[in-house]
């Protein structure tokens, strides 16, 4: 009782300290290197090594860090992935408690806050650092709107100046967190509370638009019917069980429930990620609503049953993540022999396919050494490699896929593979394939060589080295060279110091040409362009090399972007 009284006396501080302590426990117990943490470790390491690179060549042929998150890889690189999670979870707990207390409508803010701590801790255990970081800024934006000091109530512009940047940073940290801020903005808009709606809604929309324009990305996050039921149910329960005067909560919950159905029906990059709002805050809403029900009434029993079901749902999901994302010890202690063999055979001249482990540890463990044909991004994997998801994988199309992505070596780990696609791929490799020859193996790994690999660059070109941030090729004679890297407008030709070279320049004669005649250019350093879409749906990169020699491809941040070929040279 004394502890409860102390916590009630300083609830924000008490809950913040408790959340911080629990996240420290998480750090020393459950913060392994698998699951979502593997992806975040990989991104943090990439931007740490290549902070000026807009394109990561180590995953899926090439991915923009910004398409994952504009902020979190860079912040995680500086602070550390797990430190970022501890800070985000702790601060989020304090902000949530402040919102609940300042609302004045919640009769049990301490218990509701503790439900929030439970959700935040489960989020940490599942390894969602990027989403946790975005949630922290999202809660800050919501707090700016709903907890604005009364004495400053007439300074709406000041409120917007605080809320809008926080909403933008939330979206830059995690687009999923930005989506949830948008749901609150919709609820405010429908109540005709337009200043708050604009403050929370415009900035995330602008961030998404700029990101899509400058850093194009396409993909689909799967969402089966089983992933729809519980989030939809708890969205509806929130509408039904909370007091009628809680209009913002009820409208947000209703819009969320509708969004769950729409995301299930319409394939998008959001997919099952939309379940996170219910998983994080569903318990908070149910606990806050409980005192408004008549004890032992139908509504009270419904709320209690819903709360118990919520704890079971989140608890089971969290335990499942703990069990299945913990990587085998070999990834930490027995990786050196595999890396040594990959370096010995020159695997850096092409791509390496690692049959994905359930923990996805390969995405971070091997990315610094070789360029992976895949990685750990479900949207990109489903977009670029659908054969692992549509039950069509067989020896013939697997061979085609290896050639399509210029895979030179295949690694088969001994630990549990990822999903049905991973099981089928492992079975194929283990049964023996005429185009794969095992060249090395030990108790943890098997290494296979592709007998007829497709070159990463052709014709008249040889790859010297394919790294995370740079591709170096030797061109034997002038002409067009096909490079099997998905085209990005950020790709540039650079010198040995990584400085971007000048694109083709218009000739003096062309500047004084007769109207209607085509321009002419001096292509001194070479230029890059996108190929036409091929039968597999790929749009690769084409180098127009003016002479034989060494060419380096990288993707430094700069405006204008890349080293594009003028339209006249594309013909």
Protein backbone atom coordinates (compact mmCIF):
# COMPACT_ATOMS: atom_id res chain seq x y z
CA UNK A 1 0.00 0.00 0.00
CA UNK A 2 2.87 2.36 0.87
CA UNK A 3 4.49 1.67 -2.53
CA UNK A 4 1.21 2.42 -4.30
CA UNK A 5 0.85 5.69 -2.40
CA UNK A 6 4.39 6.73 -3.35
CA UNK A 7 3.73 5.90 -6.99
CA UNK A 8 0.47 7.87 -6.91
CA UNK A 9 2.31 10.84 -5.43
CA UNK A 10 4.78 10.94 -8.36
CA UNK A 11 3.17 8.73 -11.02
CA UNK A 12 5.10 9.91 -14.09
CA UNK A 13 8.46 9.55 -12.37
CA UNK A 14 7.51 6.23 -10.77
CA UNK A 15 6.29 4.62 -13.98
CA UNK A 16 9.28 5.97 -15.91
CA UNK A 17 11.72 4.49 -13.39
CA UNK A 18 9.87 1.16 -13.41
CA UNK A 19 9.89 1.03 -17.21
CA UNK A 20 13.59 1.87 -17.25
CA UNK A 21 14.37 -0.90 -14.78
CA UNK A 22 12.36 -3.44 -16.78
CA UNK A 23 14.11 -2.46 -20.00
CA UNK A 24 17.48 -2.95 -18.28
CA UNK A 25 16.30 -6.45 -17.32
CA UNK A 26 15.32 -6.97 -20.97
CA UNK A 27 18.81 -5.92 -22.06
CA UNK A 28 20.50 -8.53 -19.88
CA UNK A 29 18.05 -11.37 -20.54
CA UNK A 30 16.09 -11.29 -23.81
CA UNK A 31 17.98 -8.84 -26.04
CA UNK A 32 19.50 -11.41 -28.39
CA UNK A 33 20.71 -10.84 -31.96
CA UNK A 34 17.84 -12.49 -33.83
CA UNK A 35 14.45 -11.51 -35.21
CA UNK A 36 13.85 -7.82 -35.78
CA UNK A 37 17.03 -7.02 -33.85
CA UNK A 38 19.03 -8.73 -36.62
CA UNK A 39 17.61 -6.29 -39.18
CA UNK A 40 18.24 -3.30 -36.95
CA UNK A 41 21.79 -4.45 -36.17
CA UNK A 42 22.44 -4.72 -39.91
CA UNK A 43 21.08 -1.25 -40.70
CA UNK A 44 22.92 0.35 -37.79
CA UNK A 45 26.19 -1.25 -38.88
CA UNK A 46 25.69 -0.23 -42.50
CA UNK A 47 25.11 3.46 -41.77
CA UNK A 48 27.94 3.36 -39.23
CA UNK A 49 30.33 2.22 -41.94
CA UNK A 50 28.74 4.19 -44.79
CA UNK A 51 26.92 7.19 -43.28
CA UNK A 52 26.93 9.03 -46.61
CA UNK A 53 25.49 6.16 -48.66
CA UNK A 54 21.89 6.26 -49.88
CA UNK A 55 21.87 2.65 -51.15
CA UNK A 56 22.80 -0.56 -49.33
CA UNK A 57 24.05 -3.12 -51.86
CA UNK A 58 24.33 -5.91 -49.28
CA UNK A 59 20.59 -6.79 -49.22
CA UNK A 60 18.29 -7.78 -52.10
CA UNK A 61 20.64 -6.30 -54.67
CA UNK A 62 20.13 -2.82 -53.23
CA UNK A 63 17.91 -1.03 -50.70
CA UNK A 64 17.64 2.56 -49.52
CA UNK A 65 18.18 2.94 -45.76
CA UNK A 66 15.54 5.67 -45.84
CA UNK A 67 12.93 3.21 -47.14
CA UNK A 68 13.40 1.43 -43.80
CA UNK A 69 13.66 4.54 -41.63
CA UNK A 70 15.02 8.05 -42.08
CA UNK A 71 16.17 8.37 -38.48
CA UNK A 72 16.52 5.12 -36.58
CA UNK A 73 19.53 3.53 -38.38
CA UNK A 74 21.61 6.65 -37.79
CA UNK A 75 20.50 7.06 -34.18
CA UNK A 76 20.99 3.35 -33.48
CA UNK A 77 24.46 3.55 -35.00
CA UNK A 78 25.41 6.32 -32.56
CA UNK A 79 23.63 5.12 -29.40
CA UNK A 80 23.53 1.38 -30.04
CA UNK A 81 20.47 -0.61 -31.05
CA UNK A 82 19.60 -1.88 -27.59
CA UNK A 83 20.37 1.42 -25.87
CA UNK A 84 17.98 3.13 -28.28
CA UNK A 85 15.27 0.61 -27.34
CA UNK A 86 15.80 1.16 -23.61
CA UNK A 87 15.61 4.94 -23.98
CA UNK A 88 12.57 4.84 -26.28
CA UNK A 89 10.63 2.39 -24.10
CA UNK A 90 11.40 4.28 -20.91
CA UNK A 91 10.52 7.73 -22.27
CA UNK A 92 7.38 6.34 -23.93
CA UNK A 93 6.16 5.01 -20.59
CA UNK A 94 6.60 8.43 -19.01
CA UNK A 95 4.83 10.23 -21.85
CA UNK A 96 1.93 7.77 -21.81
CA UNK A 97 1.52 8.23 -18.06
CA UNK A 98 1.50 12.01 -18.48
CA UNK A 99 -1.21 11.79 -21.16
CA UNK A 100 -3.36 9.54 -18.97
CA UNK A 101 -3.03 11.78 -15.91
CA UNK A 102 -3.57 15.05 -17.75
CA UNK A 103 -6.67 13.73 -19.53
CA UNK A 104 -8.63 13.92 -16.21
CA UNK A 105 -11.09 11.38 -17.62
CA UNK A 106 -9.12 8.31 -16.55
CA UNK A 107 -9.93 7.21 -13.01
CA UNK A 108 -7.06 4.73 -12.69
CA UNK A 109 -4.14 6.31 -14.57
CA UNK A 110 -1.53 4.34 -12.65
CA UNK A 111 -2.99 0.95 -13.56
CA UNK A 112 -3.55 2.04 -17.16
CA UNK A 113 0.06 3.21 -17.29
CA UNK A 114 1.26 -0.16 -16.01
CA UNK A 115 -0.71 -1.82 -18.80
CA UNK A 116 1.19 0.45 -21.17
CA UNK A 117 4.51 -0.57 -19.61
CA UNK A 118 3.53 -4.20 -20.22
CA UNK A 119 2.88 -3.46 -23.91
CA UNK A 120 6.12 -1.49 -24.28
CA UNK A 121 8.15 -4.23 -22.62
CA UNK A 122 6.62 -6.87 -24.91
CA UNK A 123 7.48 -4.64 -27.87
CA UNK A 124 11.10 -4.55 -26.67
CA UNK A 125 11.21 -8.32 -26.21
CA UNK A 126 9.97 -8.71 -29.78
CA UNK A 127 12.86 -6.48 -30.85
CA UNK A 128 10.91 -3.68 -32.55
CA UNK A 129 13.41 -0.90 -31.85
CA UNK A 130 12.56 1.24 -34.87
CA UNK A 131 8.85 1.12 -34.08
CA UNK A 132 9.61 1.79 -30.40
CA UNK A 133 11.58 4.89 -31.34
CA UNK A 134 8.78 6.14 -33.58
CA UNK A 135 6.26 5.46 -30.82
CA UNK A 136 8.23 7.65 -28.42
CA UNK A 137 8.02 10.64 -30.76
CA UNK A 138 4.39 9.82 -31.61
CA UNK A 139 3.46 9.91 -27.93
CA UNK A 140 5.33 13.19 -27.64
CA UNK A 141 3.23 14.64 -30.47
CA UNK A 142 0.00 13.38 -28.90
CA UNK A 143 1.07 14.76 -25.51
CA UNK A 144 1.70 18.17 -27.09
CA UNK A 145 -1.89 18.24 -28.37
CA UNK A 146 -3.70 16.77 -25.36
CA UNK A 147 -1.49 17.97 -22.48
CA UNK A 148 -0.85 21.53 -23.61
CA UNK A 149 -0.65 23.85 -20.56
CA UNK A 150 -3.97 25.58 -19.90
CA UNK A 151 -2.34 28.98 -19.48
CA UNK A 152 -1.04 28.72 -23.08
CA UNK A 153 -4.39 27.58 -24.50
CA UNK A 154 -4.63 30.56 -26.85
CA UNK A 155 -1.17 29.90 -28.38
CA UNK A 156 -2.32 27.31 -30.89
CA UNK A 157 0.54 28.09 -33.24
CA UNK A 158 3.00 27.19 -30.48
CA UNK A 159 1.21 23.88 -29.91
CA UNK A 160 1.43 23.14 -33.64
CA UNK A 161 5.12 24.07 -33.68
CA UNK A 162 5.73 21.40 -31.04
CA UNK A 163 3.32 18.69 -32.22
CA UNK A 164 4.00 18.82 -35.98
CA UNK A 165 7.80 18.30 -35.81
CA UNK A 166 7.34 15.46 -33.32
CA UNK A 167 4.76 13.83 -35.61
CA UNK A 168 7.17 14.23 -38.53
CA UNK A 169 10.08 12.71 -36.59
CA UNK A 170 7.81 9.84 -35.48
CA UNK A 171 7.10 9.07 -39.14
CA UNK A 172 10.75 9.50 -40.09
CA UNK A 173 11.66 7.04 -37.35
CA UNK A 174 8.93 4.52 -38.17
CA UNK A 175 6.28 4.92 -40.88
CA UNK A 176 4.07 2.57 -38.85
CA UNK A 177 4.22 4.94 -35.87
CA UNK A 178 3.39 7.79 -38.25
CA UNK A 179 0.34 5.87 -39.42
CA UNK A 180 -0.93 5.65 -35.86
CA UNK A 181 -0.44 9.39 -35.36
CA UNK A 182 -2.50 9.77 -38.52
CA UNK A 183 -5.35 7.75 -36.98
CA UNK A 184 -5.51 10.18 -34.06
CA UNK A 185 -5.47 13.06 -36.55
CA UNK A 186 -8.44 11.54 -38.37
CA UNK A 187 -10.33 11.21 -35.08
CA UNK A 188 -9.70 14.89 -34.28
CA UNK A 189 -10.70 15.92 -37.80
CA UNK A 190 -14.01 14.05 -37.55
CA UNK A 191 -14.70 15.92 -34.30
CA UNK A 192 -13.98 19.20 -36.12
CA UNK A 193 -10.95 19.83 -33.92
CA UNK A 194 -9.07 21.00 -36.97
CA UNK A 195 -5.95 22.67 -35.46
CA UNK A 196 -4.93 19.48 -33.65
CA UNK A 197 -5.82 17.37 -36.68
CA UNK A 198 -3.65 19.47 -38.99
CA UNK A 199 -0.78 19.52 -36.49
CA UNK A 200 -0.75 15.72 -36.23
CA UNK A 201 -1.79 14.80 -39.76
CA UNK A 202 0.00 17.04 -42.24
CA UNK A 203 3.61 16.40 -41.21
CA UNK A 204 3.46 12.57 -41.44
CA UNK A 205 1.79 12.83 -44.86
CA UNK A 206 4.54 15.15 -46.08
CA UNK A 207 7.27 12.83 -44.78
CA UNK A 208 5.76 9.81 -46.53
CA UNK A 209 5.35 11.75 -49.79
CA UNK A 210 8.94 13.04 -49.79
CA UNK A 211 10.31 9.60 -48.91
CA UNK A 212 8.34 7.90 -51.70
CA UNK A 213 9.44 10.54 -54.21
CA UNK A 214 13.16 10.58 -53.40
CA UNK A 215 13.65 6.97 -52.26
CA UNK A 216 11.27 4.77 -54.28
CA UNK A 217 10.42 1.40 -52.76
CA UNK A 218 7.74 -1.19 -53.43
CA UNK A 219 6.80 -4.32 -51.57
CA UNK A 220 4.03 -6.14 -49.75
CA UNK A 221 3.80 -7.09 -46.09
CA UNK A 222 1.71 -10.26 -45.76
CA UNK A 223 -1.36 -10.31 -43.55
CA UNK A 224 -3.35 -13.51 -43.25
CA UNK A 225 -6.86 -13.77 -41.88
CA UNK A 226 -5.48 -15.00 -38.56
CA UNK A 227 -3.65 -11.69 -38.13
CA UNK A 228 -6.88 -9.76 -38.67
CA UNK A 229 -9.18 -11.30 -36.08
CA UNK A 230 -7.71 -10.12 -32.77
CA UNK A 231 -6.72 -6.55 -33.79
CA UNK A 232 -10.17 -6.09 -35.35
CA UNK A 233 -11.85 -7.55 -32.27
CA UNK A 234 -9.99 -5.27 -29.87
CA UNK A 235 -10.65 -2.25 -32.05
CA UNK A 236 -14.37 -3.00 -31.87
CA UNK A 237 -14.21 -3.77 -28.13
CA UNK A 238 -12.59 -0.39 -27.51
CA UNK A 239 -15.48 1.31 -29.30
CA UNK A 240 -18.07 -0.64 -27.32
CA UNK A 241 -16.55 -0.75 -23.84
CA UNK A 242 -15.16 2.74 -23.27
CA UNK A 243 -17.44 5.56 -22.03
CA UNK A 244 -19.43 7.31 -24.76
CA UNK A 245 -17.91 10.67 -23.92
CA UNK A 246 -14.44 9.38 -24.84
CA UNK A 247 -15.03 10.42 -28.41
CA UNK A 248 -11.40 10.58 -29.52
CA UNK A 249 -10.66 7.09 -28.20
CA UNK A 250 -13.82 5.63 -29.72
CA UNK A 251 -13.35 7.24 -33.13
CA UNK A 252 -9.66 6.31 -33.24
CA UNK A 253 -10.54 2.72 -32.35
CA UNK A 254 -13.28 2.60 -34.97
CA UNK A 255 -11.03 4.02 -37.68
CA UNK A 256 -8.32 1.58 -36.62
CA UNK A 257 -10.70 -1.40 -36.88
CA UNK A 258 -11.74 -0.27 -40.36
CA UNK A 259 -8.07 0.18 -41.32
CA UNK A 260 -7.28 -3.37 -40.23
CA UNK A 261 -9.92 -4.72 -42.61
CA UNK A 262 -8.78 -2.49 -45.48
CA UNK A 263 -5.12 -3.44 -45.01
CA UNK A 264 -6.13 -7.10 -45.07
CA UNK A 265 -8.16 -6.65 -48.26
CA UNK A 266 -5.66 -4.40 -50.07
CA UNK A 267 -2.04 -5.55 -50.37
CA UNK A 268 0.38 -2.89 -49.16
CA UNK A 269 3.63 -2.32 -47.31
CA UNK A 270 1.68 -1.98 -44.05
CA UNK A 271 0.20 -5.48 -43.81
CA UNK A 272 0.49 -7.17 -40.43
CA UNK A 273 2.41 -4.18 -39.04
CA UNK A 274 -0.95 -2.54 -38.37
CA UNK A 275 -1.54 -5.02 -35.53
CA UNK A 276 1.05 -3.21 -33.41
CA UNK A 277 -1.28 -0.42 -32.25
CA UNK A 278 -3.70 -2.88 -30.67
CA UNK A 279 -0.83 -4.88 -29.19
CA UNK A 280 0.71 -1.79 -27.64
CA UNK A 281 -2.27 0.20 -26.40
CA UNK A 282 -5.21 -2.23 -26.33
CA UNK A 283 -4.50 -3.10 -22.71
CA UNK A 284 -4.26 0.57 -21.75
CA UNK A 285 -7.72 1.30 -23.15
CA UNK A 286 -9.33 -1.73 -21.51
CA UNK A 287 -7.82 -1.04 -18.08
CA UNK A 288 -8.79 2.64 -18.29
CA UNK A 289 -12.38 1.69 -19.21
CA UNK A 290 -12.83 -0.86 -16.41
CA UNK A 291 -13.78 1.61 -13.59
CA UNK A 292 -16.61 2.97 -15.75
CA UNK A 293 -18.38 -0.39 -15.83
CA UNK A 294 -20.74 -1.59 -13.09
CA UNK A 295 -19.06 -4.37 -11.16
CA UNK A 296 -20.35 -7.86 -12.09
CA UNK A 297 -22.45 -6.43 -14.91
CA UNK A 298 -22.28 -7.86 -18.42
CA UNK A 299 -20.12 -4.98 -19.55
CA UNK A 300 -17.76 -5.52 -16.60
CA UNK A 301 -17.43 -9.23 -17.36
CA UNK A 302 -16.86 -8.42 -21.04
CA UNK A 303 -14.11 -5.94 -20.15
CA UNK A 304 -12.41 -8.37 -17.75
CA UNK A 305 -12.61 -11.21 -20.26
CA UNK A 306 -11.25 -8.96 -23.00
CA UNK A 307 -8.38 -7.89 -20.75
CA UNK A 308 -7.49 -11.49 -19.87
CA UNK A 309 -7.64 -12.41 -23.56
CA UNK A 310 -5.39 -9.47 -24.39
CA UNK A 311 -2.75 -10.55 -21.85
CA UNK A 312 -2.84 -14.12 -23.19
CA UNK A 313 -2.56 -12.88 -26.80
CA UNK A 314 0.36 -10.55 -26.20
CA UNK A 315 2.03 -12.93 -23.76
CA UNK A 316 1.86 -15.84 -26.21
CA UNK A 317 3.15 -13.69 -29.10
CA UNK A 318 6.03 -12.41 -27.00
CA UNK A 319 7.04 -15.87 -25.78
CA UNK A 320 6.84 -17.14 -29.36
CA UNK A 321 9.21 -14.36 -30.44
CA UNK A 322 11.63 -15.24 -27.63
CA UNK A 323 11.66 -18.92 -28.55
CA UNK A 324 11.89 -18.61 -32.32
CA UNK A 325 14.12 -15.57 -32.78
CA UNK A 326 16.95 -16.66 -30.49
CA UNK A 327 19.81 -17.44 -32.90
CA UNK A 328 21.91 -20.58 -32.65
CA UNK A 329 25.17 -20.11 -30.77
CA UNK A 330 27.09 -20.89 -33.97
CA UNK A 331 26.21 -17.45 -35.38
CA UNK A 332 28.21 -15.80 -32.61
CA UNK A 333 30.95 -18.34 -31.88
CA UNK A 334 31.48 -20.45 -35.01
CA UNK A 335 31.08 -17.97 -37.86
CA UNK A 336 34.79 -17.34 -38.55
CA UNK A 337 35.42 -20.59 -40.52
CA UNK A 338 32.52 -19.80 -42.88
CA UNK A 339 33.66 -16.21 -43.41
CA UNK A 340 37.20 -17.46 -44.05
CA UNK A 341 35.97 -19.88 -46.72
CA UNK A 342 33.83 -17.20 -48.39
CA UNK A 343 36.82 -14.88 -48.55
CA UNK A 344 39.08 -17.68 -49.79
CA UNK A 345 36.83 -18.48 -52.77
CA UNK A 346 36.27 -14.82 -53.67
CA UNK A 347 32.57 -14.70 -52.84
CA UNK A 348 32.72 -10.90 -52.86
CA UNK A 349 32.70 -10.95 -56.68
CA UNK A 350 29.04 -12.03 -56.77
CA UNK A 351 26.14 -12.53 -54.40
CA UNK A 352 25.69 -15.16 -51.71
CA UNK A 353 22.39 -16.81 -50.89
CA UNK A 354 22.03 -17.92 -47.28
CA UNK A 355 19.06 -20.20 -46.68
CA UNK A 356 17.34 -17.92 -44.14
CA UNK A 357 17.39 -19.02 -40.51
CA UNK A 358 14.29 -18.60 -38.35
CA UNK A 359 16.24 -15.99 -36.37
CA UNK A 360 17.37 -14.19 -39.57
CA UNK A 361 20.77 -13.78 -37.95
CA UNK A 362 22.44 -14.13 -41.35
CA UNK A 363 21.11 -10.69 -42.31
CA UNK A 364 23.45 -8.96 -39.86
CA UNK A 365 26.20 -11.56 -39.35
CA UNK A 366 27.27 -11.95 -43.00
CA UNK A 367 26.26 -8.61 -44.58
CA UNK A 368 29.57 -6.91 -43.64
CA UNK A 369 31.54 -9.58 -45.53
CA UNK A 370 29.51 -10.44 -48.65
CA UNK A 371 26.55 -9.08 -50.55
CA UNK A 372 23.51 -11.21 -49.78
CA UNK A 373 20.92 -12.14 -52.38
CA UNK A 374 18.34 -11.63 -49.64
CA UNK A 375 18.34 -10.11 -46.15
CA UNK A 376 15.60 -9.39 -43.63
CA UNK A 377 12.85 -7.23 -45.05
CA UNK A 378 9.62 -9.12 -45.68
CA UNK A 379 8.17 -6.51 -48.04
CA UNK A 380 11.24 -6.53 -50.30
CA UNK A 381 11.53 -10.32 -50.13
CA UNK A 382 7.94 -10.88 -51.25
CA UNK A 383 8.26 -8.28 -54.00
CA UNK A 384 11.55 -9.51 -55.47
CA UNK A 385 11.51 -13.20 -54.55
CA UNK A 386 7.89 -14.42 -54.69
CA UNK A 387 8.84 -18.04 -55.42
CA UNK A 388 9.65 -18.52 -51.72
CA UNK A 389 6.07 -17.58 -50.78
CA UNK A 390 3.75 -18.91 -53.50
CA UNK A 391 4.46 -22.67 -53.17
CA UNK A 392 6.06 -22.83 -56.63
CA UNK A 393 9.69 -23.36 -55.56
CA UNK A 394 11.32 -26.27 -57.39
CA UNK A 395 14.73 -27.19 -58.78
CA UNK A 396 14.11 -25.44 -62.10
CA UNK A 397 12.90 -22.03 -60.91
CA UNK A 398 15.42 -22.05 -58.05
CA UNK A 399 18.16 -22.33 -60.67
CA UNK A 400 16.60 -19.47 -62.62
CA UNK A 401 16.42 -17.39 -59.46
CA UNK A 402 20.11 -18.00 -58.62
CA UNK A 403 21.07 -16.87 -62.11
CA UNK A 404 18.71 -13.91 -62.07
CA UNK A 405 20.36 -12.50 -58.94
CA UNK A 406 23.95 -13.40 -59.94
CA UNK A 407 24.32 -15.75 -56.96
CA UNK A 408 27.72 -17.47 -56.94
CA UNK A 409 27.55 -19.32 -53.61
CA UNK A 410 24.83 -20.80 -51.40
CA UNK A 411 25.22 -21.23 -47.64
CA UNK A 412 23.10 -23.75 -45.73
CA UNK A 413 23.09 -23.20 -41.94
CA UNK A 414 22.28 -26.15 -39.70
CA UNK A 415 19.72 -24.30 -37.55
CA UNK A 416 15.95 -24.00 -38.09
CA UNK A 417 15.00 -22.31 -41.40
CA UNK A 418 12.48 -19.51 -41.80
CA UNK A 419 8.94 -20.56 -42.65
CA UNK A 420 7.70 -22.86 -45.39
CA UNK A 421 9.85 -21.20 -48.04
CA UNK A 422 12.98 -21.76 -45.97
CA UNK A 423 12.03 -25.39 -45.35
CA UNK A 424 11.54 -26.02 -49.07
CA UNK A 425 14.77 -24.27 -50.01
CA UNK A 426 16.74 -26.29 -47.46
CA UNK A 427 15.18 -29.53 -48.71
CA UNK A 428 16.11 -28.64 -52.30
CA UNK A 429 19.72 -27.86 -51.43
CA UNK A 430 20.09 -30.95 -49.24
CA UNK A 431 18.68 -33.34 -51.85
CA UNK A 432 21.44 -32.40 -54.27
CA UNK A 433 21.10 -30.20 -57.33
CA UNK A 434 23.12 -30.53 -60.55
CA UNK A 435 24.01 -26.84 -60.55
CA UNK A 436 25.24 -26.76 -56.92
CA UNK A 437 28.51 -28.36 -55.80
CA UNK A 438 29.44 -28.53 -52.13
CA UNK A 439 32.96 -27.19 -51.67
CA UNK A 440 33.15 -27.01 -47.88
CA UNK A 441 31.26 -27.84 -44.71
CA UNK A 442 31.54 -28.35 -40.97
CA UNK A 443 29.20 -29.04 -38.06
CA UNK A 444 27.39 -25.70 -38.55
CA UNK A 445 27.51 -24.77 -42.23
CA UNK A 446 27.57 -26.16 -45.74
CA UNK A 447 28.95 -24.04 -48.59
CA UNK A 448 27.89 -24.71 -52.18
CA UNK A 449 29.24 -23.23 -55.41
CA UNK A 450 26.90 -22.42 -58.29
CA UNK A 451 28.45 -24.20 -61.26
CA UNK A 452 27.14 -21.77 -63.90
CA UNK A 453 26.77 -18.39 -62.15
CA UNK A 454 25.56 -15.31 -63.98
CA UNK A 455 28.11 -12.46 -63.85
CA UNK A 456 27.16 -9.47 -61.74
CA UNK A 457 28.33 -7.28 -64.64
CA UNK A 458 28.49 -8.14 -68.35
CA UNK A 459 29.58 -8.06 -71.13
CA UNK A 460 33.27 -7.12 -71.30
CA UNK A 461 33.43 -6.47 -67.56
CA UNK A 462 34.74 -8.22 -64.45
CA UNK A 463 33.74 -7.46 -60.87
CA UNK A 464 36.73 -6.73 -58.66
CA UNK A 465 34.75 -6.36 -55.46
CA UNK A 466 31.11 -6.00 -54.44
CA UNK A 467 30.80 -4.33 -51.04
CA UNK A 468 27.94 -2.92 -48.98
CA UNK A 469 28.51 0.62 -50.18
CA UNK A 470 30.46 0.25 -53.42
CA UNK A 471 30.83 -1.94 -56.51
CA UNK A 472 34.17 -1.92 -58.36
CA UNK A 473 34.33 -3.33 -61.87
CA UNK A 474 36.98 -3.56 -64.59
CA UNK A 475 35.63 -2.77 -68.04
CA UNK A 476 37.65 -4.28 -70.91
CA UNK A 477 36.34 -2.03 -73.67
CA UNK A 478 33.97 0.88 -74.19
CA UNK A 479 30.28 0.18 -74.48
CA UNK A 480 27.19 -0.70 -72.50
CA UNK A 481 27.62 -2.87 -69.41
CA UNK A 482 24.64 -4.50 -67.70
CA UNK A 483 25.02 -4.42 -63.91
CA UNK A 484 22.59 -6.61 -61.97
CA UNK A 485 21.80 -4.04 -59.32
CA UNK A 486 18.20 -2.78 -59.12
CA UNK A 487 18.39 0.74 -60.45
CA UNK A 488 18.32 3.66 -58.03
CA UNK A 489 18.48 7.33 -59.03
CA UNK A 490 21.07 7.75 -56.25
CA UNK A 491 23.63 5.47 -57.93
CA UNK A 492 26.70 7.41 -58.98
CA UNK A 493 30.06 6.82 -60.56
CA UNK A 494 32.69 7.85 -58.01
CA UNK A 495 36.47 8.18 -57.80
CA UNK A 496 38.76 6.23 -55.46
CA UNK A 497 37.92 8.65 -52.63
CA UNK A 498 34.18 8.13 -53.06
CA UNK A 499 33.60 11.55 -54.64
CA UNK A 500 30.97 11.67 -57.35
CA UNK A 501 32.25 12.16 -60.89
CA UNK A 502 30.71 14.64 -63.29
CA UNK A 503 27.93 13.30 -65.52
CA UNK A 504 28.13 13.79 -69.32
CA UNK A 505 28.43 17.47 -70.25
CA UNK A 506 26.83 19.12 -73.24
CA UNK A 507 29.41 20.03 -75.89
CA UNK A 508 30.12 23.61 -76.89
CA UNK A 509 28.92 22.87 -80.40
CA UNK A 510 25.64 21.53 -79.03
CA UNK A 511 25.06 24.67 -77.02
CA UNK A 512 25.02 26.63 -80.29
CA UNK A 513 23.12 24.05 -82.30
CA UNK A 514 20.26 24.83 -84.63
CA UNK A 515 16.84 24.63 -82.97
CA UNK A 516 15.25 21.23 -83.34
CA UNK A 517 18.51 19.28 -83.61
CA UNK A 518 19.45 16.86 -80.79
CA UNK A 519 21.96 17.77 -78.12
CA UNK A 520 25.39 16.12 -78.06
CA UNK A 521 27.42 15.26 -74.96
CA UNK A 522 30.96 14.46 -73.90
CA UNK A 523 30.72 11.28 -71.85
CA UNK A 524 34.12 11.45 -70.14
CA UNK A 525 33.51 9.55 -66.91
CA UNK A 526 30.59 7.34 -67.90
CA UNK A 527 26.96 7.45 -66.82
CA UNK A 528 24.19 5.20 -65.52
CA UNK A 529 20.66 4.52 -66.64
CA UNK A 530 17.78 2.18 -65.92
CA UNK A 531 17.16 -0.75 -68.24
CA UNK A 532 13.78 -1.65 -69.64
CA UNK A 533 11.80 -4.06 -67.47
CA UNK A 534 12.72 -7.65 -68.34
CA UNK A 535 10.57 -10.79 -68.30
CA UNK A 536 11.13 -11.24 -64.55
CA UNK A 537 10.02 -7.67 -63.85
CA UNK A 538 13.53 -6.42 -63.03
CA UNK A 539 14.89 -3.01 -63.94
CA UNK A 540 18.66 -3.24 -63.72
CA UNK A 541 21.42 -0.64 -63.98
CA UNK A 542 23.22 0.00 -67.25
CA UNK A 543 26.67 1.60 -67.37
CA UNK A 544 27.62 3.51 -70.51
CA UNK A 545 31.41 3.24 -70.35
CA UNK A 546 33.29 5.63 -72.66
CA UNK A 547 36.55 3.68 -72.35
CA UNK A 548 38.15 0.65 -70.77
CA UNK A 549 39.22 0.97 -67.14
CA UNK A 550 38.07 0.81 -63.53
CA UNK A 551 34.58 2.04 -62.63
CA UNK A 552 33.24 2.46 -59.12
CA UNK A 553 29.53 2.58 -58.32
CA UNK A 554 28.30 4.04 -55.05
CA UNK A 555 25.34 6.12 -53.88
CA UNK A 556 26.47 9.26 -52.02
CA UNK A 557 23.81 11.63 -50.74
CA UNK A 558 23.84 14.57 -53.12
CA UNK A 559 21.56 16.78 -55.18
CA UNK A 560 21.15 16.37 -58.05
CA UNK A 561 21.11 12.63 -57.47
CA UNK A 562 23.44 10.12 -59.08
CA UNK A 563 25.27 10.15 -62.42
CA UNK A 564 22.36 9.80 -64.85
CA UNK A 565 22.72 9.52 -68.59
CA UNK A 566 21.05 12.31 -70.58
CA UNK A 567 18.08 11.19 -72.66
CA UNK A 568 20.10 11.65 -75.85
CA UNK A 569 22.62 9.00 -74.73
CA UNK A 570 19.93 6.51 -73.76
CA UNK A 571 18.83 6.01 -77.36
